[in-house]
Amino acid sequence: MRDASFTSTKPRPDAAEGSLTQSLQHASERAREVAGDVVETVKPYPMATIAVAAGLAFALGALWSMRRPQRSQLERWMQRLPPLPDAKAVRSYWH
């Protein structure tokens, strides 16, 4: 006699849906717990929370600016200079 667990090789959508629903419920409960923990921690220390948030924002901003290539001070100065005349124009000044 064959075992019933080996007769079907197709995945059961009901079982996957139930597992997904259970995982979503667990994640939702965990998110509520974490939110409650955050509120309990923030309420007694509002200034420290603001300082930590500002520090994180500064660090993220510094990392973001490092991502973009920066031009050197010399390159910025050179860009502000007027274009130099070519050799033919310089010769025409003297002749």
Protein backbone atom coordinates (compact mmCIF):
# COMPACT_ATOMS: atom_id res chain seq x y z
CA MET A 1 0.00 0.00 0.00
CA ARG A 2 1.32 3.46 -0.96
CA ASP A 3 1.68 6.30 1.45
CA ALA A 4 -0.75 9.16 0.76
CA SER A 5 2.00 11.80 1.12
CA PHE A 6 3.81 10.42 -1.98
CA THR A 7 0.82 10.24 -4.30
CA SER A 8 0.56 13.94 -5.12
CA THR A 9 3.56 15.91 -6.36
CA LYS A 10 1.66 19.12 -7.07
CA PRO A 11 1.98 21.92 -4.52
CA ARG A 12 -1.15 22.65 -2.60
CA PRO A 13 -2.17 26.32 -2.97
CA ASP A 14 -4.30 26.20 0.17
CA ALA A 15 -1.33 25.20 2.29
CA ALA A 16 0.88 27.94 0.79
CA GLU A 17 -1.83 30.54 1.26
CA GLY A 18 -2.33 29.51 4.87
CA SER A 19 1.39 29.65 5.52
CA LEU A 20 1.62 33.10 3.93
CA THR A 21 -1.32 34.39 5.97
CA GLN A 22 0.22 33.03 9.15
CA SER A 23 3.58 34.64 8.32
CA LEU A 24 1.93 37.99 7.62
CA GLN A 25 0.03 37.84 10.92
CA HIS A 26 3.24 37.02 12.78
CA ALA A 27 5.09 39.90 11.08
CA SER A 28 2.23 42.28 11.90
CA GLU A 29 2.25 41.26 15.57
CA ARG A 30 6.02 41.66 15.73
CA ALA A 31 5.82 45.13 14.13
CA ARG A 32 3.28 46.19 16.76
CA GLU A 33 5.56 44.93 19.53
CA VAL A 34 8.55 46.81 18.13
CA ALA A 35 6.49 50.00 17.71
CA GLY A 36 5.38 49.72 21.34
CA ASP A 37 8.98 49.22 22.48
CA VAL A 38 10.08 52.27 20.49
CA VAL A 39 7.35 54.44 22.03
CA GLU A 40 8.30 53.27 25.52
CA THR A 41 11.94 54.14 24.86
CA VAL A 42 11.33 57.51 23.17
CA LYS A 43 8.91 58.99 25.71
CA PRO A 44 11.37 59.28 28.63
CA TYR A 45 14.23 60.55 26.42
CA PRO A 46 12.85 62.91 23.75
CA MET A 47 16.01 65.05 23.38
CA ALA A 48 18.27 62.01 23.08
CA THR A 49 15.93 60.61 20.43
CA ILE A 50 16.15 63.85 18.43
CA ALA A 51 19.95 63.83 18.76
CA VAL A 52 20.19 60.24 17.54
CA ALA A 53 17.87 60.97 14.61
CA ALA A 54 19.95 64.04 13.67
CA GLY A 55 23.16 62.02 13.89
CA LEU A 56 21.75 59.31 11.67
CA ALA A 57 20.52 61.89 9.16
CA PHE A 58 23.98 63.53 9.11
CA ALA A 59 25.70 60.17 8.60
CA LEU A 60 23.35 59.18 5.79
CA GLY A 61 23.82 62.58 4.15
CA ALA A 62 27.60 62.21 4.34
CA LEU A 63 27.42 58.76 2.78
CA TRP A 64 25.11 60.07 0.06
CA SER A 65 27.48 62.91 -0.82
CA MET A 66 30.46 60.54 -0.95
CA ARG A 67 28.67 58.56 -3.63
CA ARG A 68 28.83 61.45 -6.12
CA PRO A 69 32.24 62.32 -7.60
CA GLN A 70 33.44 65.70 -6.38
CA ARG A 71 35.40 68.14 -8.54
CA SER A 72 38.59 69.49 -7.05
CA GLN A 73 39.04 73.15 -6.19
CA LEU A 74 41.46 73.52 -9.12
CA GLU A 75 38.89 72.13 -11.56
CA ARG A 76 36.29 74.59 -10.28
CA TRP A 77 38.72 77.52 -10.67
CA MET A 78 39.73 76.41 -14.16
CA GLN A 79 36.10 76.26 -15.19
CA ARG A 80 35.61 79.90 -14.12
CA LEU A 81 38.51 81.16 -16.25
CA PRO A 82 37.78 82.57 -19.70
CA PRO A 83 38.91 80.42 -22.63
CA LEU A 84 42.52 80.97 -23.66
CA PRO A 85 43.29 82.14 -27.20
CA ASP A 86 44.89 79.66 -29.59
CA ALA A 87 48.43 80.07 -31.00
CA LYS A 88 47.25 81.76 -34.22
CA ALA A 89 45.40 84.46 -32.26
CA VAL A 90 48.43 85.06 -30.05
CA ARG A 91 50.70 85.46 -33.10
CA SER A 92 48.26 87.93 -34.63
CA TYR A 93 48.64 90.19 -31.58
CA TRP A 94 52.41 90.53 -32.23
CA HIS A 95 52.46 90.86 -36.02
